Amino acid sequence: MDARSFWVEQPGVGTIRTETLPSIGPEQVRVRTLFTGVSRGTESLVFRGRVPANQYSSMRCPHQVGEFSTPIKYGYISVGVVEEGCGMEGQSVFCLYPHQDHFVVDRSAVVPLPESLDPGLAVLASNLETAVNGCWDADPRPEDTVTIIGAGVVGILVAWRIQAETGRPVELVDIDPGRAAVAAHLGLAFCTPDQARTERSLIVHASGSQAGLCSALDLAAPDGRIIEMSWFGDREVSLPLGENFHSRRLTIQCSQVGALPPRMRGEWSYFKRMALVLSLLNEHPELGILINSEGSFDSLPETMSRLAESGAGVLCHRVHYQEK
């Protein structure tokens, strides 16, 4: 059967292609897509052709087709229902698959959703997985004072997760005061940069901006730790490390969802981490407030162009698929 997929044909230009699906093998399933999600930070960089050449291998998705020099089929947030294979017919599943209306993958590539989980909410799974990993990397201590800079989806989810795990208030900082309502809905304290408290022992940066990372340095207490969760692609970032960075003995550490923190690797696997994420989404439907934009699969080329250019006000954009 034929399937329709979204491709970045050249930087800044997307299109819908038609392709023929392979036959199903004995350990494979065919999935009909219900929803995909746009991971705005990474997918915008891919759409604009801003992935550094030395990161081509690291940034590959499990089911990516093509190279970052374009054309490329890219994406990793897909929620669908199994149509055929492995006795899973009718099972709702999550898969790290690009934007495509039907696809065939190995049974091991799909994660069944909890029966009571709304499939439309599962498009937050990849971002929440990143946040869980970020929380593990931050490893907050009971005495930490915590600030999260950047109230995008990942920043909000990191703040939510750290506050839930520690039981202590977390400060969420963003230049957009409109994010205050979302923060309040999830029980998070919000402020703009000029209102942010200083002398914070743990700061997670997720704004994707140089200014945000510089703010993290300003807010950090002596011996403070800064967890960098933004990915800047091929953009150069300049930091004032000649000021009080050394005298305060600050630490900047990266967090990246592609690798489990060393201290978690013995007990946790990628699939166990995803199972945790899906159970959290099932238990906390209030996280659906982060999905504040939606459009059809057919409109995705125009949507990606808009999101990559600005996307002002958009947190998570959900793509819906309908049978023709």
C-alpha atoms as a PDB file:
ATOM      1  CA  MET A   1       0.000   0.000   0.000  1.00  0.00           C
ATOM      2  CA  ASP A   2       1.043   3.616  -0.441  1.00  0.00           C
ATOM      3  CA  ALA A   3       1.877   6.013   2.378  1.00  0.00           C
ATOM      4  CA  ARG A   4       2.311   9.778   2.519  1.00  0.00           C
ATOM      5  CA  SER A   5       5.300  11.318   4.306  1.00  0.00           C
ATOM      6  CA  PHE A   6       6.708  14.768   5.064  1.00  0.00           C
ATOM      7  CA  TRP A   7      10.126  15.630   3.639  1.00  0.00           C
ATOM      8  CA  VAL A   8      12.414  18.619   3.927  1.00  0.00           C
ATOM      9  CA  GLU A   9      13.347  18.994   0.258  1.00  0.00           C
ATOM     10  CA  GLN A  10      15.841  21.804   0.835  1.00  0.00           C
ATOM     11  CA  PRO A  11      16.468  24.199   3.718  1.00  0.00           C
ATOM     12  CA  GLY A  12      13.205  25.982   4.487  1.00  0.00           C
ATOM     13  CA  VAL A  13      11.109  23.978   2.007  1.00  0.00           C
ATOM     14  CA  GLY A  14       8.917  21.004   2.950  1.00  0.00           C
ATOM     15  CA  THR A  15       6.604  18.816   0.911  1.00  0.00           C
ATOM     16  CA  ILE A  16       4.390  15.730   1.140  1.00  0.00           C
ATOM     17  CA  ARG A  17       5.630  12.704  -0.801  1.00  0.00           C
ATOM     18  CA  THR A  18       3.960   9.408  -1.657  1.00  0.00           C
ATOM     19  CA  GLU A  19       5.894   6.183  -1.161  1.00  0.00           C
ATOM     20  CA  THR A  20       5.172   2.462  -1.225  1.00  0.00           C
ATOM     21  CA  LEU A  21       5.300   0.599   2.066  1.00  0.00           C
ATOM     22  CA  PRO A  22       7.300  -2.645   2.292  1.00  0.00           C
ATOM     23  CA  SER A  23       5.566  -5.927   3.035  1.00  0.00           C
ATOM     24  CA  ILE A  24       5.235  -6.837   6.715  1.00  0.00           C
ATOM     25  CA  GLY A  25       7.766  -9.328   8.041  1.00  0.00           C
ATOM     26  CA  PRO A  26       6.983 -11.916  10.744  1.00  0.00           C
ATOM     27  CA  GLU A  27       8.259  -9.663  13.568  1.00  0.00           C
ATOM     28  CA  GLN A  28       6.898  -6.394  12.191  1.00  0.00           C
ATOM     29  CA  VAL A  29       3.763  -4.280  12.476  1.00  0.00           C
ATOM     30  CA  ARG A  30       2.009  -1.838  10.182  1.00  0.00           C
ATOM     31  CA  VAL A  31       0.857   1.299  11.994  1.00  0.00           C
ATOM     32  CA  ARG A  32      -1.743   3.875  10.993  1.00  0.00           C
ATOM     33  CA  THR A  33      -0.722   7.248  12.374  1.00  0.00           C
ATOM     34  CA  LEU A  34      -3.163   9.181  14.537  1.00  0.00           C
ATOM     35  CA  PHE A  35      -0.912  12.057  15.623  1.00  0.00           C
ATOM     36  CA  THR A  36       2.626  13.278  15.327  1.00  0.00           C
ATOM     37  CA  GLY A  37       4.259  16.054  17.288  1.00  0.00           C
ATOM     38  CA  VAL A  38       6.717  18.700  16.150  1.00  0.00           C
ATOM     39  CA  SER A  39       9.803  18.960  18.335  1.00  0.00           C
ATOM     40  CA  ARG A  40      10.196  22.659  17.653  1.00  0.00           C
ATOM     41  CA  GLY A  41      13.816  23.218  18.628  1.00  0.00           C
ATOM     42  CA  THR A  42      15.453  20.291  16.856  1.00  0.00           C
ATOM     43  CA  GLU A  43      13.062  20.064  13.916  1.00  0.00           C
ATOM     44  CA  SER A  44      13.343  23.780  13.216  1.00  0.00           C
ATOM     45  CA  LEU A  45      17.119  23.437  12.986  1.00  0.00           C
ATOM     46  CA  VAL A  46      16.747  20.437  10.664  1.00  0.00           C
ATOM     47  CA  PHE A  47      14.167  22.278   8.564  1.00  0.00           C
ATOM     48  CA  ARG A  48      16.490  25.265   8.164  1.00  0.00           C
ATOM     49  CA  GLY A  49      19.502  23.070   7.400  1.00  0.00           C
ATOM     50  CA  ARG A  50      21.360  24.181  10.532  1.00  0.00           C
ATOM     51  CA  VAL A  51      22.695  20.813  11.753  1.00  0.00           C
ATOM     52  CA  PRO A  52      26.533  20.927  11.997  1.00  0.00           C
ATOM     53  CA  ALA A  53      28.247  18.423   9.709  1.00  0.00           C
ATOM     54  CA  ASN A  54      30.116  16.855  12.622  1.00  0.00           C
ATOM     55  CA  GLN A  55      26.758  16.062  14.293  1.00  0.00           C
ATOM     56  CA  TYR A  56      25.138  14.264  11.335  1.00  0.00           C
ATOM     57  CA  SER A  57      25.695  10.866  12.904  1.00  0.00           C
ATOM     58  CA  SER A  58      24.694  11.874  16.442  1.00  0.00           C
ATOM     59  CA  MET A  59      21.474  13.557  15.297  1.00  0.00           C
ATOM     60  CA  ARG A  60      20.154  10.709  13.173  1.00  0.00           C
ATOM     61  CA  CYS A  61      16.672   9.486  14.101  1.00  0.00           C
ATOM     62  CA  PRO A  62      15.971   5.745  14.281  1.00  0.00           C
ATOM     63  CA  HIS A  63      13.826   5.813  11.102  1.00  0.00           C
ATOM     64  CA  GLN A  64      15.298   8.835   9.339  1.00  0.00           C
ATOM     65  CA  VAL A  65      15.631   8.612   5.560  1.00  0.00           C
ATOM     66  CA  GLY A  66      18.080  10.848   3.726  1.00  0.00           C
ATOM     67  CA  GLU A  67      20.852  13.052   5.059  1.00  0.00           C
ATOM     68  CA  PHE A  68      20.895  16.430   6.805  1.00  0.00           C
ATOM     69  CA  SER A  69      22.147  18.007   3.606  1.00  0.00           C
ATOM     70  CA  THR A  70      18.524  17.370   2.375  1.00  0.00           C
ATOM     71  CA  PRO A  71      16.284  15.962   1.148  1.00  0.00           C
ATOM     72  CA  ILE A  72      15.456  14.281   4.436  1.00  0.00           C
ATOM     73  CA  LYS A  73      12.531  12.598   6.204  1.00  0.00           C
ATOM     74  CA  TYR A  74      12.938  13.470   9.869  1.00  0.00           C
ATOM     75  CA  GLY A  75      10.958  13.332  13.106  1.00  0.00           C
ATOM     76  CA  TYR A  76      10.569  11.186  16.202  1.00  0.00           C
ATOM     77  CA  ILE A  77       7.138  11.735  17.751  1.00  0.00           C
ATOM     78  CA  SER A  78       4.514   9.422  16.269  1.00  0.00           C
ATOM     79  CA  VAL A  79       1.394   7.971  17.876  1.00  0.00           C
ATOM     80  CA  GLY A  80      -0.747   5.487  15.999  1.00  0.00           C
ATOM     81  CA  VAL A  81      -2.705   2.254  16.046  1.00  0.00           C
ATOM     82  CA  VAL A  82      -1.464  -1.112  14.808  1.00  0.00           C
ATOM     83  CA  GLU A  83      -3.408  -2.259  11.752  1.00  0.00           C
ATOM     84  CA  GLU A  84      -1.602  -5.559  11.223  1.00  0.00           C
ATOM     85  CA  GLY A  85       1.141  -7.688  12.682  1.00  0.00           C
ATOM     86  CA  CYS A  86       2.277  -9.651  15.753  1.00  0.00           C
ATOM     87  CA  GLY A  87      -1.269 -10.031  17.071  1.00  0.00           C
ATOM     88  CA  MET A  88      -1.280  -6.357  18.079  1.00  0.00           C
ATOM     89  CA  GLU A  89      -4.158  -5.239  15.875  1.00  0.00           C
ATOM     90  CA  GLY A  90      -5.995  -2.300  17.462  1.00  0.00           C
ATOM     91  CA  GLN A  91      -3.214  -1.514  19.957  1.00  0.00           C
ATOM     92  CA  SER A  92      -2.303   2.163  20.307  1.00  0.00           C
ATOM     93  CA  VAL A  93       1.471   2.674  20.219  1.00  0.00           C
ATOM     94  CA  PHE A  94       4.221   5.283  20.351  1.00  0.00           C
ATOM     95  CA  CYS A  95       7.126   5.170  17.903  1.00  0.00           C
ATOM     96  CA  LEU A  96      10.179   7.306  17.143  1.00  0.00           C
ATOM     97  CA  TYR A  97       9.054   7.722  13.543  1.00  0.00           C
ATOM     98  CA  PRO A  98       8.958  10.750  11.201  1.00  0.00           C
ATOM     99  CA  HIS A  99       5.745  12.430  10.014  1.00  0.00           C
ATOM    100  CA  GLN A 100       4.011   9.773   7.874  1.00  0.00           C
ATOM    101  CA  ASP A 101       0.439   8.484   7.706  1.00  0.00           C
ATOM    102  CA  HIS A 102       1.284   4.734   7.653  1.00  0.00           C
ATOM    103  CA  PHE A 103       4.538   2.904   8.335  1.00  0.00           C
ATOM    104  CA  VAL A 104       6.036  -0.557   8.850  1.00  0.00           C
ATOM    105  CA  VAL A 105       8.549  -1.145  11.651  1.00  0.00           C
ATOM    106  CA  ASP A 106       9.881  -3.974  13.798  1.00  0.00           C
ATOM    107  CA  ARG A 107       7.653  -4.899  16.718  1.00  0.00           C
ATOM    108  CA  SER A 108      10.482  -3.844  19.047  1.00  0.00           C
ATOM    109  CA  ALA A 109      10.312  -0.259  17.713  1.00  0.00           C
ATOM    110  CA  VAL A 110       6.836   0.468  19.095  1.00  0.00           C
ATOM    111  CA  VAL A 111       5.835   1.025  22.721  1.00  0.00           C
ATOM    112  CA  PRO A 112       2.219   0.179  23.627  1.00  0.00           C
ATOM    113  CA  LEU A 113       0.319   3.005  25.292  1.00  0.00           C
ATOM    114  CA  PRO A 114      -1.447   2.456  28.612  1.00  0.00           C
ATOM    115  CA  GLU A 115      -5.046   1.554  27.847  1.00  0.00           C
ATOM    116  CA  SER A 116      -6.438   4.632  29.582  1.00  0.00           C
ATOM    117  CA  LEU A 117      -3.984   7.124  28.038  1.00  0.00           C
ATOM    118  CA  ASP A 118      -5.457   9.520  25.481  1.00  0.00           C
ATOM    119  CA  PRO A 119      -3.349   8.947  22.314  1.00  0.00           C
ATOM    120  CA  GLY A 120      -3.486  12.654  21.588  1.00  0.00           C
ATOM    121  CA  LEU A 121      -1.619  13.351  24.832  1.00  0.00           C
ATOM    122  CA  ALA A 122       1.149  10.895  23.956  1.00  0.00           C
ATOM    123  CA  VAL A 123       2.720  13.396  21.521  1.00  0.00           C
ATOM    124  CA  LEU A 124       4.329  14.888  24.640  1.00  0.00           C
ATOM    125  CA  ALA A 125       6.238  11.660  25.279  1.00  0.00           C
ATOM    126  CA  SER A 126       9.530  12.655  23.626  1.00  0.00           C
ATOM    127  CA  ASN A 127       9.666  16.044  25.346  1.00  0.00           C
ATOM    128  CA  LEU A 128       8.806  14.498  28.710  1.00  0.00           C
ATOM    129  CA  GLU A 129      11.463  11.850  28.117  1.00  0.00           C
ATOM    130  CA  THR A 130      13.964  14.673  27.582  1.00  0.00           C
ATOM    131  CA  ALA A 131      12.754  16.331  30.785  1.00  0.00           C
ATOM    132  CA  VAL A 132      13.040  13.119  32.812  1.00  0.00           C
ATOM    133  CA  ASN A 133      16.582  12.685  31.545  1.00  0.00           C
ATOM    134  CA  GLY A 134      17.319  16.332  32.353  1.00  0.00           C
ATOM    135  CA  CYS A 135      16.042  15.850  35.889  1.00  0.00           C
ATOM    136  CA  TRP A 136      18.306  12.828  36.279  1.00  0.00           C
ATOM    137  CA  ASP A 137      21.279  14.808  34.967  1.00  0.00           C
ATOM    138  CA  ALA A 138      20.491  17.723  37.306  1.00  0.00           C
ATOM    139  CA  ASP A 139      20.293  15.300  40.257  1.00  0.00           C
ATOM    140  CA  PRO A 140      18.726  17.922  42.578  1.00  0.00           C
ATOM    141  CA  ARG A 141      19.719  17.793  46.211  1.00  0.00           C
ATOM    142  CA  PRO A 142      17.270  18.514  49.062  1.00  0.00           C
ATOM    143  CA  GLU A 143      19.007  21.808  49.857  1.00  0.00           C
ATOM    144  CA  ASP A 144      19.094  23.077  46.252  1.00  0.00           C
ATOM    145  CA  THR A 145      17.387  26.287  45.205  1.00  0.00           C
ATOM    146  CA  VAL A 146      16.280  25.611  41.637  1.00  0.00           C
ATOM    147  CA  THR A 147      15.576  27.892  38.679  1.00  0.00           C
ATOM    148  CA  ILE A 148      14.598  26.795  35.167  1.00  0.00           C
ATOM    149  CA  ILE A 149      15.312  29.321  32.409  1.00  0.00           C
ATOM    150  CA  GLY A 150      13.087  28.924  29.359  1.00  0.00           C
ATOM    151  CA  ALA A 151       9.366  28.124  29.568  1.00  0.00           C
ATOM    152  CA  GLY A 152       9.117  26.119  26.381  1.00  0.00           C
ATOM    153  CA  VAL A 153       7.747  22.588  26.555  1.00  0.00           C
ATOM    154  CA  VAL A 154      11.004  21.045  27.780  1.00  0.00           C
ATOM    155  CA  GLY A 155      11.685  23.804  30.313  1.00  0.00           C
ATOM    156  CA  ILE A 156       8.178  23.598  31.758  1.00  0.00           C
ATOM    157  CA  LEU A 157       8.341  19.813  31.967  1.00  0.00           C
ATOM    158  CA  VAL A 158      11.751  19.892  33.670  1.00  0.00           C
ATOM    159  CA  ALA A 159      10.429  22.380  36.235  1.00  0.00           C
ATOM    160  CA  TRP A 160       7.316  20.258  36.780  1.00  0.00           C
ATOM    161  CA  ARG A 161       9.321  17.074  37.157  1.00  0.00           C
ATOM    162  CA  ILE A 162      11.969  18.465  39.523  1.00  0.00           C
ATOM    163  CA  GLN A 163       9.309  20.061  41.714  1.00  0.00           C
ATOM    164  CA  ALA A 164       7.382  16.775  41.838  1.00  0.00           C
ATOM    165  CA  GLU A 165      10.485  14.750  42.705  1.00  0.00           C
ATOM    166  CA  THR A 166      11.892  17.099  45.354  1.00  0.00           C
ATOM    167  CA  GLY A 167       8.661  18.448  46.812  1.00  0.00           C
ATOM    168  CA  ARG A 168      10.286  21.893  46.850  1.00  0.00           C
ATOM    169  CA  PRO A 169       9.233  24.962  44.824  1.00  0.00           C
ATOM    170  CA  VAL A 170      10.960  25.571  41.501  1.00  0.00           C
ATOM    171  CA  GLU A 171      11.220  28.980  39.833  1.00  0.00           C
ATOM    172  CA  LEU A 172      10.417  29.106  36.104  1.00  0.00           C
ATOM    173  CA  VAL A 173      11.834  32.078  34.163  1.00  0.00           C
ATOM    174  CA  ASP A 174      10.906  33.263  30.676  1.00  0.00           C
ATOM    175  CA  ILE A 175      10.859  36.527  28.707  1.00  0.00           C
ATOM    176  CA  ASP A 176       7.231  35.864  27.664  1.00  0.00           C
ATOM    177  CA  PRO A 177       4.844  36.797  30.506  1.00  0.00           C
ATOM    178  CA  GLY A 178       2.140  34.895  28.658  1.00  0.00           C
ATOM    179  CA  ARG A 179       3.683  31.652  29.923  1.00  0.00           C
ATOM    180  CA  ALA A 180       2.641  32.533  33.490  1.00  0.00           C
ATOM    181  CA  ALA A 181      -0.840  31.045  33.033  1.00  0.00           C
ATOM    182  CA  VAL A 182       0.544  27.708  31.851  1.00  0.00           C
ATOM    183  CA  ALA A 183       2.977  27.646  34.758  1.00  0.00           C
ATOM    184  CA  ALA A 184       0.201  28.397  37.241  1.00  0.00           C
ATOM    185  CA  HIS A 185      -1.949  25.603  35.784  1.00  0.00           C
ATOM    186  CA  LEU A 186       0.864  23.167  36.612  1.00  0.00           C
ATOM    187  CA  GLY A 187       1.563  24.635  40.051  1.00  0.00           C
ATOM    188  CA  LEU A 188       4.823  26.351  39.097  1.00  0.00           C
ATOM    189  CA  ALA A 189       6.053  29.773  40.201  1.00  0.00           C
ATOM    190  CA  PHE A 190       6.784  32.013  37.201  1.00  0.00           C
ATOM    191  CA  CYS A 191       8.723  35.224  36.720  1.00  0.00           C
ATOM    192  CA  THR A 192      10.388  37.255  33.998  1.00  0.00           C
ATOM    193  CA  PRO A 193      14.219  37.616  33.942  1.00  0.00           C
ATOM    194  CA  ASP A 194      14.192  40.965  35.736  1.00  0.00           C
ATOM    195  CA  GLN A 195      12.245  39.353  38.604  1.00  0.00           C
ATOM    196  CA  ALA A 196      14.386  36.209  38.906  1.00  0.00           C
ATOM    197  CA  ARG A 197      16.085  35.468  42.187  1.00  0.00           C
ATOM    198  CA  THR A 198      19.868  35.269  42.350  1.00  0.00           C
ATOM    199  CA  GLU A 199      22.174  32.936  44.270  1.00  0.00           C
ATOM    200  CA  ARG A 200      20.506  29.795  42.930  1.00  0.00           C
ATOM    201  CA  SER A 201      22.429  26.582  43.494  1.00  0.00           C
ATOM    202  CA  LEU A 202      20.932  24.679  40.551  1.00  0.00           C
ATOM    203  CA  ILE A 203      19.888  26.240  37.250  1.00  0.00           C
ATOM    204  CA  VAL A 204      18.584  24.370  34.223  1.00  0.00           C
ATOM    205  CA  HIS A 205      18.857  26.328  30.974  1.00  0.00           C
ATOM    206  CA  ALA A 206      16.341  25.453  28.244  1.00  0.00           C
ATOM    207  CA  SER A 207      15.667  28.729  26.439  1.00  0.00           C
ATOM    208  CA  GLY A 208      17.755  27.988  23.355  1.00  0.00           C
ATOM    209  CA  SER A 209      19.241  31.493  23.510  1.00  0.00           C
ATOM    210  CA  GLN A 210      22.662  32.887  24.336  1.00  0.00           C
ATOM    211  CA  ALA A 211      21.019  35.517  26.546  1.00  0.00           C
ATOM    212  CA  GLY A 212      19.327  32.806  28.595  1.00  0.00           C
ATOM    213  CA  LEU A 213      22.588  30.998  29.243  1.00  0.00           C
ATOM    214  CA  CYS A 214      24.275  34.266  30.221  1.00  0.00           C
ATOM    215  CA  SER A 215      21.398  34.855  32.672  1.00  0.00           C
ATOM    216  CA  ALA A 216      22.092  31.453  34.195  1.00  0.00           C
ATOM    217  CA  LEU A 217      25.647  32.557  34.944  1.00  0.00           C
ATOM    218  CA  ASP A 218      24.348  35.749  36.569  1.00  0.00           C
ATOM    219  CA  LEU A 219      21.829  33.929  38.760  1.00  0.00           C
ATOM    220  CA  ALA A 220      24.122  31.146  39.961  1.00  0.00           C
ATOM    221  CA  ALA A 221      25.338  31.003  43.548  1.00  0.00           C
ATOM    222  CA  PRO A 222      28.961  30.142  44.391  1.00  0.00           C
ATOM    223  CA  ASP A 223      29.598  26.500  43.476  1.00  0.00           C
ATOM    224  CA  GLY A 224      26.352  26.605  41.491  1.00  0.00           C
ATOM    225  CA  ARG A 225      25.578  24.052  38.813  1.00  0.00           C
ATOM    226  CA  ILE A 226      24.111  24.922  35.409  1.00  0.00           C
ATOM    227  CA  ILE A 227      22.535  22.144  33.334  1.00  0.00           C
ATOM    228  CA  GLU A 228      22.471  23.067  29.644  1.00  0.00           C
ATOM    229  CA  MET A 229      19.542  21.466  27.807  1.00  0.00           C
ATOM    230  CA  SER A 230      19.410  23.761  24.771  1.00  0.00           C
ATOM    231  CA  TRP A 231      20.894  22.596  21.478  1.00  0.00           C
ATOM    232  CA  PHE A 232      22.199  25.459  19.389  1.00  0.00           C
ATOM    233  CA  GLY A 233      22.903  23.588  16.157  1.00  0.00           C
ATOM    234  CA  ASP A 234      25.581  25.418  14.195  1.00  0.00           C
ATOM    235  CA  ARG A 235      25.158  28.705  16.086  1.00  0.00           C
ATOM    236  CA  GLU A 236      28.152  29.958  18.027  1.00  0.00           C
ATOM    237  CA  VAL A 237      27.514  30.996  21.638  1.00  0.00           C
ATOM    238  CA  SER A 238      29.601  33.609  23.444  1.00  0.00           C
ATOM    239  CA  LEU A 239      29.704  33.519  27.251  1.00  0.00           C
ATOM    240  CA  PRO A 240      31.279  35.910  29.805  1.00  0.00           C
ATOM    241  CA  LEU A 241      33.551  33.277  31.322  1.00  0.00           C
ATOM    242  CA  GLY A 242      36.156  35.943  32.091  1.00  0.00           C
ATOM    243  CA  GLU A 243      33.978  37.568  34.755  1.00  0.00           C
ATOM    244  CA  ASN A 244      33.049  35.690  37.954  1.00  0.00           C
ATOM    245  CA  PHE A 245      32.717  32.240  36.407  1.00  0.00           C
ATOM    246  CA  HIS A 246      35.950  31.038  38.015  1.00  0.00           C
ATOM    247  CA  SER A 247      35.756  32.913  41.304  1.00  0.00           C
ATOM    248  CA  ARG A 248      32.281  31.469  41.905  1.00  0.00           C
ATOM    249  CA  ARG A 249      33.480  27.982  40.871  1.00  0.00           C
ATOM    250  CA  LEU A 250      30.479  27.465  38.588  1.00  0.00           C
ATOM    251  CA  THR A 251      29.861  24.276  36.623  1.00  0.00           C
ATOM    252  CA  ILE A 252      28.142  23.961  33.235  1.00  0.00           C
ATOM    253  CA  GLN A 253      27.028  20.449  32.349  1.00  0.00           C
ATOM    254  CA  CYS A 254      25.123  19.326  29.271  1.00  0.00           C
ATOM    255  CA  SER A 255      22.075  17.064  29.261  1.00  0.00           C
ATOM    256  CA  GLN A 256      21.077  15.143  26.152  1.00  0.00           C
ATOM    257  CA  VAL A 257      18.265  12.623  25.886  1.00  0.00           C
ATOM    258  CA  GLY A 258      20.234  10.352  23.541  1.00  0.00           C
ATOM    259  CA  ALA A 259      22.288   8.989  26.459  1.00  0.00           C
ATOM    260  CA  LEU A 260      21.231   7.891  29.925  1.00  0.00           C
ATOM    261  CA  PRO A 261      23.164   9.517  32.789  1.00  0.00           C
ATOM    262  CA  PRO A 262      25.998   7.198  33.894  1.00  0.00           C
ATOM    263  CA  ARG A 263      24.497   6.636  37.341  1.00  0.00           C
ATOM    264  CA  MET A 264      21.213   5.412  35.787  1.00  0.00           C
ATOM    265  CA  ARG A 265      22.610   3.006  33.191  1.00  0.00           C
ATOM    266  CA  GLY A 266      22.681  -0.074  35.368  1.00  0.00           C
ATOM    267  CA  GLU A 267      19.019   0.103  36.357  1.00  0.00           C
ATOM    268  CA  TRP A 268      17.404   1.894  33.417  1.00  0.00           C
ATOM    269  CA  SER A 269      17.024   1.291  29.682  1.00  0.00           C
ATOM    270  CA  TYR A 270      15.553   3.507  26.965  1.00  0.00           C
ATOM    271  CA  PHE A 271      12.354   1.442  26.889  1.00  0.00           C
ATOM    272  CA  LYS A 272      12.028   1.496  30.675  1.00  0.00           C
ATOM    273  CA  ARG A 273      12.450   5.280  30.585  1.00  0.00           C
ATOM    274  CA  MET A 274       9.727   5.566  27.928  1.00  0.00           C
ATOM    275  CA  ALA A 275       7.414   3.334  29.990  1.00  0.00           C
ATOM    276  CA  LEU A 276       7.894   5.736  32.915  1.00  0.00           C
ATOM    277  CA  VAL A 277       7.090   8.698  30.664  1.00  0.00           C
ATOM    278  CA  LEU A 278       3.885   7.135  29.355  1.00  0.00           C
ATOM    279  CA  SER A 279       2.756   6.279  32.873  1.00  0.00           C
ATOM    280  CA  LEU A 280       3.362   9.902  33.947  1.00  0.00           C
ATOM    281  CA  LEU A 281       1.288  11.188  31.029  1.00  0.00           C
ATOM    282  CA  ASN A 282      -1.453   8.732  31.935  1.00  0.00           C
ATOM    283  CA  GLU A 283      -1.477   9.948  35.537  1.00  0.00           C
ATOM    284  CA  HIS A 284      -1.276  13.667  34.697  1.00  0.00           C
ATOM    285  CA  PRO A 285      -3.690  14.673  31.914  1.00  0.00           C
ATOM    286  CA  GLU A 286      -3.247  18.294  33.030  1.00  0.00           C
ATOM    287  CA  LEU A 287      -0.024  18.281  30.984  1.00  0.00           C
ATOM    288  CA  GLY A 288      -2.238  18.530  27.919  1.00  0.00           C
ATOM    289  CA  ILE A 289      -2.202  22.322  28.395  1.00  0.00           C
ATOM    290  CA  LEU A 290       1.216  22.230  26.699  1.00  0.00           C
ATOM    291  CA  ILE A 291      -0.420  21.190  23.398  1.00  0.00           C
ATOM    292  CA  ASN A 292      -1.648  24.614  22.322  1.00  0.00           C
ATOM    293  CA  SER A 293      -1.399  24.342  18.538  1.00  0.00           C
ATOM    294  CA  GLU A 294      -2.770  21.782  16.077  1.00  0.00           C
ATOM    295  CA  GLY A 295      -3.030  21.336  12.337  1.00  0.00           C
ATOM    296  CA  SER A 296      -3.550  18.736   9.652  1.00  0.00           C
ATOM    297  CA  PHE A 297      -0.844  16.606   8.109  1.00  0.00           C
ATOM    298  CA  ASP A 298      -1.587  18.183   4.723  1.00  0.00           C
ATOM    299  CA  SER A 299      -0.762  21.622   6.138  1.00  0.00           C
ATOM    300  CA  LEU A 300       2.549  20.504   7.688  1.00  0.00           C
ATOM    301  CA  PRO A 301       4.819  22.048   4.990  1.00  0.00           C
ATOM    302  CA  GLU A 302       3.347  25.499   5.688  1.00  0.00           C
ATOM    303  CA  THR A 303       3.249  24.852   9.436  1.00  0.00           C
ATOM    304  CA  MET A 304       6.934  23.898   9.617  1.00  0.00           C
ATOM    305  CA  SER A 305       7.864  27.022   7.698  1.00  0.00           C
ATOM    306  CA  ARG A 306       5.938  29.142  10.203  1.00  0.00           C
ATOM    307  CA  LEU A 307       7.283  27.355  13.283  1.00  0.00           C
ATOM    308  CA  ALA A 308      10.870  27.513  12.049  1.00  0.00           C
ATOM    309  CA  GLU A 309      10.544  31.222  11.307  1.00  0.00           C
ATOM    310  CA  SER A 310       8.973  32.267  14.603  1.00  0.00           C
ATOM    311  CA  GLY A 311       6.278  30.112  16.158  1.00  0.00           C
ATOM    312  CA  ALA A 312       5.550  32.820  18.697  1.00  0.00           C
ATOM    313  CA  GLY A 313       3.247  31.558  21.430  1.00  0.00           C
ATOM    314  CA  VAL A 314       3.377  27.921  20.295  1.00  0.00           C
ATOM    315  CA  LEU A 315       4.395  25.301  22.836  1.00  0.00           C
ATOM    316  CA  CYS A 316       3.675  21.835  21.407  1.00  0.00           C
ATOM    317  CA  HIS A 317       2.221  21.626  17.888  1.00  0.00           C
ATOM    318  CA  ARG A 318       0.232  18.452  17.276  1.00  0.00           C
ATOM    319  CA  VAL A 319      -0.346  17.116  13.759  1.00  0.00           C
ATOM    320  CA  HIS A 320      -3.566  15.164  13.226  1.00  0.00           C
ATOM    321  CA  TYR A 321      -4.070  12.520  10.530  1.00  0.00           C
ATOM    322  CA  GLN A 322      -7.371  11.545   8.960  1.00  0.00           C
ATOM    323  CA  GLU A 323      -8.141   8.633   6.675  1.00  0.00           C
ATOM    324  CA  LYS A 324      -8.907   9.624   3.111  1.00  0.00           C
END
